[in-house]
Amino acid sequence: MKAPSGSDPLMPQRFAYAAAADPAGPRISTYALTPAQDDRDALTLRAKRWSSATLVELPRDAAPGTYQRPRYALGFRSEVLRSWLKEAGVDAHTCIAPVLRLRTKLSSEGDLSGALWLYARCSFN
């Protein structure tokens, strides 16, 4: 794919978006970058590392008919965890590890606090 005039030719040119909805689990959206022309370029290496990044919408705890803002977590597809579970006899379809979730809170006095969750998720056949 040819780079548009006036842009850096080493920048990734296309973004691929795929979304899958699972009625029994979270909605998973994947934003993947296609590799640039030069594999030795630092930007390309960063793009490849982030290409497995996944945005996970966590299930809501609200009662039916009420609204609760969506909550998201950032995760990375893990083929290593999936194969490890397969060797242990568990038929995992997709594994996301690590999954990171950050929650922050600003008090009325101006104090900032927060929590960071680090965990893994798998969908099973």
Foldseek 3Di string as FASTA:
>chain_A
DADPPPDDQQAFDDWDWDWDDDPVFWTKIFIATDAGDDCVDPNRVVRNVRRQKIKTWHDDPDDPPDDDDIFIKIWGWDPPVCVVVVVVVFAWDTKTAFIWGKDWDADPVGDIDIDIDTHMDTHGD
